């Protein structure tokens, strides 16, 4: 198997292990600016989210990766 094929398979497996993104949930990330909140409006190939300055969108895999790395769980 080619090394590039192995890398693509490994990347896809990693993406499948990322947490699921749910419409209507408020996701909190830690950043050098403090806590950043994003309310998810819709999920498809892209995640549409609300932020203080309006709406934004990014690919689903990117949002999942960022939440996996920088997401903050709220204690209830």
C-alpha atoms as a PDB file:
ATOM      1  CA  UNK A   1       0.000   0.000   0.000  1.00  0.00           C
ATOM      2  CA  UNK A   2       1.288   3.476  -0.826  1.00  0.00           C
ATOM      3  CA  UNK A   3       2.348   5.724   1.999  1.00  0.00           C
ATOM      4  CA  UNK A   4      -0.091   8.432   0.810  1.00  0.00           C
ATOM      5  CA  UNK A   5      -2.975   5.940   0.923  1.00  0.00           C
ATOM      6  CA  UNK A   6      -2.003   4.880   4.441  1.00  0.00           C
ATOM      7  CA  UNK A   7      -1.906   8.544   5.509  1.00  0.00           C
ATOM      8  CA  UNK A   8      -5.373   9.171   4.054  1.00  0.00           C
ATOM      9  CA  UNK A   9      -6.782   6.106   5.824  1.00  0.00           C
ATOM     10  CA  UNK A  10      -5.176   7.136   9.119  1.00  0.00           C
ATOM     11  CA  UNK A  11      -6.584  10.675   8.759  1.00  0.00           C
ATOM     12  CA  UNK A  12     -10.083   9.346   8.065  1.00  0.00           C
ATOM     13  CA  UNK A  13      -9.959   6.990  11.059  1.00  0.00           C
ATOM     14  CA  UNK A  14      -8.883   9.930  13.237  1.00  0.00           C
ATOM     15  CA  UNK A  15     -11.785  12.030  11.896  1.00  0.00           C
ATOM     16  CA  UNK A  16     -14.264   9.241  12.695  1.00  0.00           C
ATOM     17  CA  UNK A  17     -13.073   9.243  16.314  1.00  0.00           C
ATOM     18  CA  UNK A  18     -13.721  12.987  16.739  1.00  0.00           C
ATOM     19  CA  UNK A  19     -16.763  13.942  18.834  1.00  0.00           C
ATOM     20  CA  UNK A  20     -20.095  14.308  17.029  1.00  0.00           C
ATOM     21  CA  UNK A  21     -21.289  17.888  16.492  1.00  0.00           C
ATOM     22  CA  UNK A  22     -24.939  18.482  17.402  1.00  0.00           C
ATOM     23  CA  UNK A  23     -27.236  21.189  16.035  1.00  0.00           C
ATOM     24  CA  UNK A  24     -28.508  23.543  18.737  1.00  0.00           C
ATOM     25  CA  UNK A  25     -25.590  23.032  21.109  1.00  0.00           C
ATOM     26  CA  UNK A  26     -23.273  25.753  22.380  1.00  0.00           C
ATOM     27  CA  UNK A  27     -19.610  24.706  22.003  1.00  0.00           C
ATOM     28  CA  UNK A  28     -16.994  26.374  24.166  1.00  0.00           C
ATOM     29  CA  UNK A  29     -13.339  26.571  23.173  1.00  0.00           C
ATOM     30  CA  UNK A  30     -10.344  27.818  25.129  1.00  0.00           C
ATOM     31  CA  UNK A  31      -8.051  30.240  23.311  1.00  0.00           C
ATOM     32  CA  UNK A  32      -5.397  32.807  24.073  1.00  0.00           C
ATOM     33  CA  UNK A  33      -8.271  35.354  24.123  1.00  0.00           C
ATOM     34  CA  UNK A  34     -10.093  33.405  26.833  1.00  0.00           C
ATOM     35  CA  UNK A  35     -13.249  31.362  26.291  1.00  0.00           C
ATOM     36  CA  UNK A  36     -14.875  31.439  22.858  1.00  0.00           C
ATOM     37  CA  UNK A  37     -18.459  30.246  22.397  1.00  0.00           C
ATOM     38  CA  UNK A  38     -20.000  29.025  19.156  1.00  0.00           C
ATOM     39  CA  UNK A  39     -23.693  28.095  18.885  1.00  0.00           C
ATOM     40  CA  UNK A  40     -24.182  25.493  16.130  1.00  0.00           C
ATOM     41  CA  UNK A  41     -27.079  26.348  13.805  1.00  0.00           C
ATOM     42  CA  UNK A  42     -26.723  23.483  11.305  1.00  0.00           C
ATOM     43  CA  UNK A  43     -24.451  20.538  10.579  1.00  0.00           C
ATOM     44  CA  UNK A  44     -23.733  18.997   7.176  1.00  0.00           C
ATOM     45  CA  UNK A  45     -20.510  18.934   5.233  1.00  0.00           C
ATOM     46  CA  UNK A  46     -20.044  22.360   6.795  1.00  0.00           C
ATOM     47  CA  UNK A  47     -20.912  23.563  10.293  1.00  0.00           C
ATOM     48  CA  UNK A  48     -22.856  26.833  10.371  1.00  0.00           C
ATOM     49  CA  UNK A  49     -22.419  28.553  13.714  1.00  0.00           C
ATOM     50  CA  UNK A  50     -23.331  31.836  15.369  1.00  0.00           C
ATOM     51  CA  UNK A  51     -20.643  34.075  16.821  1.00  0.00           C
ATOM     52  CA  UNK A  52     -20.883  37.563  18.344  1.00  0.00           C
ATOM     53  CA  UNK A  53     -20.179  39.300  15.012  1.00  0.00           C
ATOM     54  CA  UNK A  54     -22.650  37.218  12.981  1.00  0.00           C
ATOM     55  CA  UNK A  55     -22.483  33.775  11.421  1.00  0.00           C
ATOM     56  CA  UNK A  56     -19.538  31.661  10.374  1.00  0.00           C
ATOM     57  CA  UNK A  57     -18.966  28.305   8.804  1.00  0.00           C
ATOM     58  CA  UNK A  58     -16.198  25.773   8.473  1.00  0.00           C
ATOM     59  CA  UNK A  59     -15.841  22.178   7.289  1.00  0.00           C
ATOM     60  CA  UNK A  60     -17.234  19.603   9.716  1.00  0.00           C
ATOM     61  CA  UNK A  61     -13.875  17.824  10.134  1.00  0.00           C
ATOM     62  CA  UNK A  62     -12.160  21.128  10.997  1.00  0.00           C
ATOM     63  CA  UNK A  63     -14.769  22.050  13.618  1.00  0.00           C
ATOM     64  CA  UNK A  64     -14.498  18.560  15.138  1.00  0.00           C
ATOM     65  CA  UNK A  65     -10.689  18.700  15.197  1.00  0.00           C
ATOM     66  CA  UNK A  66     -10.681  22.133  16.839  1.00  0.00           C
ATOM     67  CA  UNK A  67     -13.232  21.033  19.435  1.00  0.00           C
ATOM     68  CA  UNK A  68     -11.193  17.889  20.139  1.00  0.00           C
ATOM     69  CA  UNK A  69      -8.063  19.999  20.691  1.00  0.00           C
ATOM     70  CA  UNK A  70      -9.462  23.144  22.339  1.00  0.00           C
ATOM     71  CA  UNK A  71     -12.987  22.255  23.494  1.00  0.00           C
ATOM     72  CA  UNK A  72     -14.018  22.875  27.075  1.00  0.00           C
ATOM     73  CA  UNK A  73     -16.644  20.676  28.723  1.00  0.00           C
ATOM     74  CA  UNK A  74     -19.176  22.556  30.814  1.00  0.00           C
ATOM     75  CA  UNK A  75     -19.824  21.178  34.288  1.00  0.00           C
ATOM     76  CA  UNK A  76     -23.526  20.875  34.931  1.00  0.00           C
END
